[in-house]
């Protein structure tokens, strides 16, 4: 298993009082599998994973985006849904 560091923002960060989490994930993998691993390993983040998005190097990534050991060393973030006004 590999460890993927994921930065948290807004409600996701506040829900577990952490700025980052380390997620166990077998590489190579996909964003979809990363989201599943986050939801399993960090239950309070499940709702943020369901409605939020994963960003890799400041760009949103779709569920089919591959994650390999090179990408795992970059900035990966869980961005919860936002509303503004």
PDB file of N, CA and C in Angstrom:
ATOM      1  N   UNK A   1       0.834  -1.188   0.000  1.00  0.00           N
ATOM      2  CA  UNK A   1       0.000   0.000   0.000  1.00  0.00           C
ATOM      3  C   UNK A   1       0.876   1.248   0.000  1.00  0.00           C
ATOM      4  N   UNK A   2       0.390   2.243  -0.684  1.00  0.00           N
ATOM      5  CA  UNK A   2       1.061   3.529  -0.731  1.00  0.00           C
ATOM      6  C   UNK A   2       0.260   4.534   0.079  1.00  0.00           C
ATOM      7  N   UNK A   3       0.913   5.602   0.489  1.00  0.00           N
ATOM      8  CA  UNK A   3       0.229   6.670   1.220  1.00  0.00           C
ATOM      9  C   UNK A   3       0.116   7.897   0.328  1.00  0.00           C
ATOM     10  N   UNK A   4      -1.098   8.402   0.243  1.00  0.00           N
ATOM     11  CA  UNK A   4      -1.375   9.600  -0.530  1.00  0.00           C
ATOM     12  C   UNK A   4      -1.763  10.691   0.456  1.00  0.00           C
ATOM     13  N   UNK A   5      -1.062  11.803   0.423  1.00  0.00           N
ATOM     14  CA  UNK A   5      -1.405  12.936   1.293  1.00  0.00           C
ATOM     15  C   UNK A   5      -2.442  13.789   0.573  1.00  0.00           C
ATOM     16  N   UNK A   6      -3.545  14.064   1.263  1.00  0.00           N
ATOM     17  CA  UNK A   6      -4.649  14.842   0.699  1.00  0.00           C
ATOM     18  C   UNK A   6      -4.899  16.046   1.593  1.00  0.00           C
ATOM     19  N   UNK A   7      -4.884  17.225   0.994  1.00  0.00           N
ATOM     20  CA  UNK A   7      -5.190  18.456   1.729  1.00  0.00           C
ATOM     21  C   UNK A   7      -6.699  18.611   1.833  1.00  0.00           C
ATOM     22  N   UNK A   8      -7.148  19.134   2.968  1.00  0.00           N
ATOM     23  CA  UNK A   8      -8.580  19.337   3.204  1.00  0.00           C
ATOM     24  C   UNK A   8      -8.875  20.828   3.314  1.00  0.00           C
ATOM     25  N   UNK A   9     -10.075  21.203   2.908  1.00  0.00           N
ATOM     26  CA  UNK A   9     -10.496  22.597   2.963  1.00  0.00           C
ATOM     27  C   UNK A   9     -11.891  22.709   3.564  1.00  0.00           C
ATOM     28  N   UNK A  10     -12.175  23.892   4.088  1.00  0.00           N
ATOM     29  CA  UNK A  10     -13.507  24.292   4.571  1.00  0.00           C
ATOM     30  C   UNK A  10     -14.100  23.247   5.516  1.00  0.00           C
ATOM     31  N   UNK A  11     -15.334  22.831   5.258  1.00  0.00           N
ATOM     32  CA  UNK A  11     -16.049  21.916   6.138  1.00  0.00           C
ATOM     33  C   UNK A  11     -15.366  20.576   6.307  1.00  0.00           C
ATOM     34  N   UNK A  12     -14.688  20.105   5.269  1.00  0.00           N
ATOM     35  CA  UNK A  12     -13.978  18.828   5.372  1.00  0.00           C
ATOM     36  C   UNK A  12     -12.881  18.931   6.426  1.00  0.00           C
ATOM     37  N   UNK A  13     -12.119  20.006   6.387  1.00  0.00           N
ATOM     38  CA  UNK A  13     -11.043  20.216   7.365  1.00  0.00           C
ATOM     39  C   UNK A  13     -11.636  20.371   8.765  1.00  0.00           C
ATOM     40  N   UNK A  14     -12.689  21.145   8.873  1.00  0.00           N
ATOM     41  CA  UNK A  14     -13.303  21.398  10.178  1.00  0.00           C
ATOM     42  C   UNK A  14     -13.936  20.140  10.769  1.00  0.00           C
ATOM     43  N   UNK A  15     -14.429  19.235   9.914  1.00  0.00           N
ATOM     44  CA  UNK A  15     -15.123  18.049  10.416  1.00  0.00           C
ATOM     45  C   UNK A  15     -14.199  17.086  11.152  1.00  0.00           C
ATOM     46  N   UNK A  16     -12.898  17.101  10.832  1.00  0.00           N
ATOM     47  CA  UNK A  16     -11.977  16.201  11.532  1.00  0.00           C
ATOM     48  C   UNK A  16     -10.781  16.940  12.154  1.00  0.00           C
ATOM     49  N   UNK A  17     -10.811  18.262  12.098  1.00  0.00           N
ATOM     50  CA  UNK A  17      -9.758  19.085  12.710  1.00  0.00           C
ATOM     51  C   UNK A  17      -8.361  18.764  12.199  1.00  0.00           C
ATOM     52  N   UNK A  18      -8.235  18.476  10.920  1.00  0.00           N
ATOM     53  CA  UNK A  18      -6.941  18.210  10.298  1.00  0.00           C
ATOM     54  C   UNK A  18      -6.849  18.964   8.978  1.00  0.00           C
ATOM     55  N   UNK A  19      -5.654  19.434   8.652  1.00  0.00           N
ATOM     56  CA  UNK A  19      -5.442  20.108   7.369  1.00  0.00           C
ATOM     57  C   UNK A  19      -5.103  19.120   6.266  1.00  0.00           C
ATOM     58  N   UNK A  20      -4.510  17.984   6.645  1.00  0.00           N
ATOM     59  CA  UNK A  20      -4.174  16.943   5.674  1.00  0.00           C
ATOM     60  C   UNK A  20      -4.478  15.578   6.270  1.00  0.00           C
ATOM     61  N   UNK A  21      -4.677  14.617   5.390  1.00  0.00           N
ATOM     62  CA  UNK A  21      -4.834  13.226   5.797  1.00  0.00           C
ATOM     63  C   UNK A  21      -3.915  12.384   4.919  1.00  0.00           C
ATOM     64  N   UNK A  22      -3.484  11.252   5.432  1.00  0.00           N
ATOM     65  CA  UNK A  22      -2.718  10.286   4.657  1.00  0.00           C
ATOM     66  C   UNK A  22      -3.624   9.098   4.388  1.00  0.00           C
ATOM     67  N   UNK A  23      -3.855   8.831   3.115  1.00  0.00           N
ATOM     68  CA  UNK A  23      -4.784   7.783   2.698  1.00  0.00           C
ATOM     69  C   UNK A  23      -3.992   6.606   2.149  1.00  0.00           C
ATOM     70  N   UNK A  24      -4.300   5.410   2.623  1.00  0.00           N
ATOM     71  CA  UNK A  24      -3.675   4.195   2.115  1.00  0.00           C
ATOM     72  C   UNK A  24      -4.359   3.811   0.799  1.00  0.00           C
ATOM     73  N   UNK A  25      -3.536   3.638  -0.257  1.00  0.00           N
ATOM     74  CA  UNK A  25      -4.094   3.331  -1.573  1.00  0.00           C
ATOM     75  C   UNK A  25      -3.063   2.559  -2.371  1.00  0.00           C
ATOM     76  N   UNK A  26      -3.485   1.483  -3.004  1.00  0.00           N
ATOM     77  CA  UNK A  26      -2.595   0.717  -3.861  1.00  0.00           C
ATOM     78  C   UNK A  26      -2.441   1.442  -5.194  1.00  0.00           C
ATOM     79  N   UNK A  27      -1.212   1.767  -5.561  1.00  0.00           N
ATOM     80  CA  UNK A  27      -0.946   2.445  -6.834  1.00  0.00           C
ATOM     81  C   UNK A  27      -0.465   1.440  -7.864  1.00  0.00           C
ATOM     82  N   UNK A  28      -0.748   1.659  -9.140  1.00  0.00           N
ATOM     83  CA  UNK A  28      -1.536   2.748  -9.707  1.00  0.00           C
ATOM     84  C   UNK A  28      -3.018   2.578  -9.397  1.00  0.00           C
ATOM     85  N   UNK A  29      -3.723   3.698  -9.422  1.00  0.00           N
ATOM     86  CA  UNK A  29      -5.133   3.699  -9.094  1.00  0.00           C
ATOM     87  C   UNK A  29      -5.828   4.829  -9.845  1.00  0.00           C
ATOM     88  N   UNK A  30      -7.025   5.198  -9.379  1.00  0.00           N
ATOM     89  CA  UNK A  30      -7.773   6.288 -10.000  1.00  0.00           C
ATOM     90  C   UNK A  30      -8.327   7.208  -8.923  1.00  0.00           C
ATOM     91  N   UNK A  31      -8.792   8.368  -9.339  1.00  0.00           N
ATOM     92  CA  UNK A  31      -9.437   9.300  -8.420  1.00  0.00           C
ATOM     93  C   UNK A  31     -10.653   8.631  -7.767  1.00  0.00           C
ATOM     94  N   UNK A  32     -11.397   7.863  -8.529  1.00  0.00           N
ATOM     95  CA  UNK A  32     -12.559   7.150  -7.981  1.00  0.00           C
ATOM     96  C   UNK A  32     -12.145   6.280  -6.793  1.00  0.00           C
ATOM     97  N   UNK A  33     -11.078   5.521  -6.945  1.00  0.00           N
ATOM     98  CA  UNK A  33     -10.622   4.652  -5.866  1.00  0.00           C
ATOM     99  C   UNK A  33     -10.065   5.458  -4.685  1.00  0.00           C
ATOM    100  N   UNK A  34      -9.450   6.589  -4.974  1.00  0.00           N
ATOM    101  CA  UNK A  34      -8.983   7.457  -3.901  1.00  0.00           C
ATOM    102  C   UNK A  34     -10.171   7.960  -3.082  1.00  0.00           C
ATOM    103  N   UNK A  35     -11.226   8.382  -3.758  1.00  0.00           N
ATOM    104  CA  UNK A  35     -12.414   8.867  -3.053  1.00  0.00           C
ATOM    105  C   UNK A  35     -13.032   7.766  -2.195  1.00  0.00           C
ATOM    106  N   UNK A  36     -13.090   6.551  -2.726  1.00  0.00           N
ATOM    107  CA  UNK A  36     -13.609   5.423  -1.945  1.00  0.00           C
ATOM    108  C   UNK A  36     -12.750   5.184  -0.707  1.00  0.00           C
ATOM    109  N   UNK A  37     -11.436   5.238  -0.876  1.00  0.00           N
ATOM    110  CA  UNK A  37     -10.520   5.003   0.245  1.00  0.00           C
ATOM    111  C   UNK A  37     -10.677   6.079   1.316  1.00  0.00           C
ATOM    112  N   UNK A  38     -10.840   7.330   0.903  1.00  0.00           N
ATOM    113  CA  UNK A  38     -11.049   8.408   1.870  1.00  0.00           C
ATOM    114  C   UNK A  38     -12.320   8.140   2.672  1.00  0.00           C
ATOM    115  N   UNK A  39     -13.401   7.787   1.982  1.00  0.00           N
ATOM    116  CA  UNK A  39     -14.687   7.557   2.648  1.00  0.00           C
ATOM    117  C   UNK A  39     -14.613   6.390   3.632  1.00  0.00           C
ATOM    118  N   UNK A  40     -13.841   5.365   3.301  1.00  0.00           N
ATOM    119  CA  UNK A  40     -13.718   4.200   4.184  1.00  0.00           C
ATOM    120  C   UNK A  40     -12.797   4.502   5.362  1.00  0.00           C
ATOM    121  N   UNK A  41     -11.664   5.117   5.083  1.00  0.00           N
ATOM    122  CA  UNK A  41     -10.657   5.337   6.119  1.00  0.00           C
ATOM    123  C   UNK A  41     -10.963   6.539   7.019  1.00  0.00           C
ATOM    124  N   UNK A  42     -11.782   7.462   6.519  1.00  0.00           N
ATOM    125  CA  UNK A  42     -12.136   8.666   7.279  1.00  0.00           C
ATOM    126  C   UNK A  42     -13.640   8.892   7.157  1.00  0.00           C
ATOM    127  N   UNK A  43     -14.408   8.103   7.881  1.00  0.00           N
ATOM    128  CA  UNK A  43     -15.873   8.108   7.797  1.00  0.00           C
ATOM    129  C   UNK A  43     -16.486   9.504   7.871  1.00  0.00           C
ATOM    130  N   UNK A  44     -16.017  10.413   8.744  1.00  0.00           N
ATOM    131  CA  UNK A  44     -16.632  11.748   8.801  1.00  0.00           C
ATOM    132  C   UNK A  44     -16.501  12.530   7.485  1.00  0.00           C
ATOM    133  N   UNK A  45     -15.599  12.094   6.602  1.00  0.00           N
ATOM    134  CA  UNK A  45     -15.421  12.794   5.318  1.00  0.00           C
ATOM    135  C   UNK A  45     -16.291  12.226   4.204  1.00  0.00           C
ATOM    136  N   UNK A  46     -17.018  11.160   4.486  1.00  0.00           N
ATOM    137  CA  UNK A  46     -17.821  10.496   3.446  1.00  0.00           C
ATOM    138  C   UNK A  46     -18.731  11.477   2.698  1.00  0.00           C
ATOM    139  N   UNK A  47     -19.439  12.325   3.414  1.00  0.00           N
ATOM    140  CA  UNK A  47     -20.373  13.247   2.740  1.00  0.00           C
ATOM    141  C   UNK A  47     -19.633  14.268   1.883  1.00  0.00           C
ATOM    142  N   UNK A  48     -18.422  14.628   2.280  1.00  0.00           N
ATOM    143  CA  UNK A  48     -17.644  15.575   1.474  1.00  0.00           C
ATOM    144  C   UNK A  48     -17.115  14.903   0.209  1.00  0.00           C
ATOM    145  N   UNK A  49     -16.791  13.627   0.311  1.00  0.00           N
ATOM    146  CA  UNK A  49     -16.329  12.872  -0.856  1.00  0.00           C
ATOM    147  C   UNK A  49     -17.468  12.706  -1.858  1.00  0.00           C
ATOM    148  N   UNK A  50     -18.666  12.433  -1.358  1.00  0.00           N
ATOM    149  CA  UNK A  50     -19.818  12.217  -2.238  1.00  0.00           C
ATOM    150  C   UNK A  50     -20.145  13.446  -3.072  1.00  0.00           C
ATOM    151  N   UNK A  51     -20.030  14.629  -2.480  1.00  0.00           N
ATOM    152  CA  UNK A  51     -20.449  15.849  -3.174  1.00  0.00           C
ATOM    153  C   UNK A  51     -19.286  16.753  -3.570  1.00  0.00           C
ATOM    154  N   UNK A  52     -18.098  16.474  -3.057  1.00  0.00           N
ATOM    155  CA  UNK A  52     -16.941  17.308  -3.362  1.00  0.00           C
ATOM    156  C   UNK A  52     -16.176  16.795  -4.572  1.00  0.00           C
ATOM    157  N   UNK A  53     -15.035  17.409  -4.811  1.00  0.00           N
ATOM    158  CA  UNK A  53     -14.199  17.024  -5.946  1.00  0.00           C
ATOM    159  C   UNK A  53     -12.756  16.890  -5.488  1.00  0.00           C
ATOM    160  N   UNK A  54     -12.015  16.116  -6.238  1.00  0.00           N
ATOM    161  CA  UNK A  54     -10.583  15.983  -6.007  1.00  0.00           C
ATOM    162  C   UNK A  54      -9.865  16.895  -6.992  1.00  0.00           C
ATOM    163  N   UNK A  55      -8.896  17.636  -6.484  1.00  0.00           N
ATOM    164  CA  UNK A  55      -8.056  18.477  -7.336  1.00  0.00           C
ATOM    165  C   UNK A  55      -6.624  17.949  -7.252  1.00  0.00           C
ATOM    166  N   UNK A  56      -5.978  17.907  -8.409  1.00  0.00           N
ATOM    167  CA  UNK A  56      -4.581  17.501  -8.488  1.00  0.00           C
ATOM    168  C   UNK A  56      -3.821  18.653  -9.117  1.00  0.00           C
ATOM    169  N   UNK A  57      -2.862  19.181  -8.387  1.00  0.00           N
ATOM    170  CA  UNK A  57      -2.098  20.350  -8.844  1.00  0.00           C
ATOM    171  C   UNK A  57      -3.010  21.491  -9.270  1.00  0.00           C
ATOM    172  N   UNK A  58      -3.983  21.797  -8.419  1.00  0.00           N
ATOM    173  CA  UNK A  58      -4.897  22.931  -8.614  1.00  0.00           C
ATOM    174  C   UNK A  58      -5.838  22.790  -9.806  1.00  0.00           C
ATOM    175  N   UNK A  59      -6.025  21.583 -10.302  1.00  0.00           N
ATOM    176  CA  UNK A  59      -6.985  21.338 -11.387  1.00  0.00           C
ATOM    177  C   UNK A  59      -7.910  20.207 -10.967  1.00  0.00           C
ATOM    178  N   UNK A  60      -9.219  20.404 -11.160  1.00  0.00           N
ATOM    179  CA  UNK A  60     -10.161  19.342 -10.835  1.00  0.00           C
ATOM    180  C   UNK A  60      -9.877  18.124 -11.699  1.00  0.00           C
ATOM    181  N   UNK A  61      -9.993  16.946 -11.079  1.00  0.00           N
ATOM    182  CA  UNK A  61      -9.746  15.690 -11.776  1.00  0.00           C
ATOM    183  C   UNK A  61     -11.024  14.856 -11.776  1.00  0.00           C
ATOM    184  N   UNK A  62     -11.351  14.269 -12.918  1.00  0.00           N
ATOM    185  CA  UNK A  62     -12.544  13.416 -12.953  1.00  0.00           C
ATOM    186  C   UNK A  62     -12.199  12.048 -12.352  1.00  0.00           C
ATOM    187  N   UNK A  63     -13.229  11.255 -12.107  1.00  0.00           N
ATOM    188  CA  UNK A  63     -13.061   9.981 -11.414  1.00  0.00           C
ATOM    189  C   UNK A  63     -12.162   8.994 -12.142  1.00  0.00           C
ATOM    190  N   UNK A  64     -12.017   9.119 -13.449  1.00  0.00           N
ATOM    191  CA  UNK A  64     -11.198   8.170 -14.197  1.00  0.00           C
ATOM    192  C   UNK A  64      -9.721   8.568 -14.265  1.00  0.00           C
ATOM    193  N   UNK A  65      -9.373   9.731 -13.739  1.00  0.00           N
ATOM    194  CA  UNK A  65      -7.984  10.197 -13.772  1.00  0.00           C
ATOM    195  C   UNK A  65      -7.087   9.208 -13.040  1.00  0.00           C
ATOM    196  N   UNK A  66      -6.017   8.803 -13.695  1.00  0.00           N
ATOM    197  CA  UNK A  66      -5.077   7.857 -13.104  1.00  0.00           C
ATOM    198  C   UNK A  66      -4.224   8.539 -12.037  1.00  0.00           C
ATOM    199  N   UNK A  67      -3.938   7.791 -11.000  1.00  0.00           N
ATOM    200  CA  UNK A  67      -3.023   8.233  -9.962  1.00  0.00           C
ATOM    201  C   UNK A  67      -1.891   7.221  -9.898  1.00  0.00           C
ATOM    202  N   UNK A  68      -0.691   7.681 -10.202  1.00  0.00           N
ATOM    203  CA  UNK A  68       0.479   6.826 -10.098  1.00  0.00           C
ATOM    204  C   UNK A  68       1.425   7.410  -9.065  1.00  0.00           C
ATOM    205  N   UNK A  69       2.590   6.818  -8.908  1.00  0.00           N
ATOM    206  CA  UNK A  69       3.507   7.282  -7.857  1.00  0.00           C
ATOM    207  C   UNK A  69       3.999   8.702  -8.115  1.00  0.00           C
ATOM    208  N   UNK A  70       4.096   9.120  -9.376  1.00  0.00           N
ATOM    209  CA  UNK A  70       4.521  10.488  -9.681  1.00  0.00           C
ATOM    210  C   UNK A  70       3.441  11.488  -9.248  1.00  0.00           C
ATOM    211  N   UNK A  71       2.189  11.222  -9.589  1.00  0.00           N
ATOM    212  CA  UNK A  71       1.081  12.100  -9.202  1.00  0.00           C
ATOM    213  C   UNK A  71       0.908  12.093  -7.689  1.00  0.00           C
ATOM    214  N   UNK A  72       1.162  10.954  -7.053  1.00  0.00           N
ATOM    215  CA  UNK A  72       0.997  10.849  -5.607  1.00  0.00           C
ATOM    216  C   UNK A  72       1.925  11.799  -4.854  1.00  0.00           C
ATOM    217  N   UNK A  73       2.982  12.255  -5.487  1.00  0.00           N
ATOM    218  CA  UNK A  73       3.929  13.172  -4.852  1.00  0.00           C
ATOM    219  C   UNK A  73       3.549  14.633  -5.059  1.00  0.00           C
ATOM    220  N   UNK A  74       2.476  14.903  -5.784  1.00  0.00           N
ATOM    221  CA  UNK A  74       2.049  16.271  -6.058  1.00  0.00           C
ATOM    222  C   UNK A  74       0.991  16.709  -5.051  1.00  0.00           C
ATOM    223  N   UNK A  75       0.420  17.875  -5.270  1.00  0.00           N
ATOM    224  CA  UNK A  75      -0.604  18.400  -4.360  1.00  0.00           C
ATOM    225  C   UNK A  75      -1.969  17.835  -4.756  1.00  0.00           C
ATOM    226  N   UNK A  76      -2.548  17.074  -3.854  1.00  0.00           N
ATOM    227  CA  UNK A  76      -3.878  16.497  -4.054  1.00  0.00           C
ATOM    228  C   UNK A  76      -4.772  17.067  -2.962  1.00  0.00           C
ATOM    229  N   UNK A  77      -5.969  17.506  -3.347  1.00  0.00           N
ATOM    230  CA  UNK A  77      -6.857  18.136  -2.368  1.00  0.00           C
ATOM    231  C   UNK A  77      -8.293  17.655  -2.541  1.00  0.00           C
ATOM    232  N   UNK A  78      -8.994  17.586  -1.424  1.00  0.00           N
ATOM    233  CA  UNK A  78     -10.437  17.327  -1.412  1.00  0.00           C
ATOM    234  C   UNK A  78     -11.120  18.667  -1.265  1.00  0.00           C
ATOM    235  N   UNK A  79     -11.859  19.067  -2.288  1.00  0.00           N
ATOM    236  CA  UNK A  79     -12.542  20.352  -2.301  1.00  0.00           C
ATOM    237  C   UNK A  79     -14.040  20.099  -2.085  1.00  0.00           C
ATOM    238  N   UNK A  80     -14.561  20.475  -0.927  1.00  0.00           N
ATOM    239  CA  UNK A  80     -15.986  20.263  -0.686  1.00  0.00           C
ATOM    240  C   UNK A  80     -16.825  21.220  -1.547  1.00  0.00           C
ATOM    241  N   UNK A  81     -18.098  20.898  -1.714  1.00  0.00           N
ATOM    242  CA  UNK A  81     -18.946  21.818  -2.454  1.00  0.00           C
ATOM    243  C   UNK A  81     -19.023  23.163  -1.742  1.00  0.00           C
ATOM    244  N   UNK A  82     -19.113  24.205  -2.510  1.00  0.00           N
ATOM    245  CA  UNK A  82     -19.135  25.549  -1.938  1.00  0.00           C
ATOM    246  C   UNK A  82     -20.372  26.286  -2.408  1.00  0.00           C
ATOM    247  N   UNK A  83     -20.847  27.155  -1.567  1.00  0.00           N
ATOM    248  CA  UNK A  83     -21.917  28.051  -2.008  1.00  0.00           C
ATOM    249  C   UNK A  83     -21.486  29.443  -1.647  1.00  0.00           C
ATOM    250  N   UNK A  84     -21.920  30.363  -2.413  1.00  0.00           N
ATOM    251  CA  UNK A  84     -21.546  31.746  -2.149  1.00  0.00           C
ATOM    252  C   UNK A  84     -22.679  32.678  -2.524  1.00  0.00           C
ATOM    253  N   UNK A  85     -22.462  33.899  -2.263  1.00  0.00           N
ATOM    254  CA  UNK A  85     -23.532  34.804  -2.609  1.00  0.00           C
ATOM    255  C   UNK A  85     -23.054  36.216  -2.678  1.00  0.00           C
TER     256      UNK A  85
END
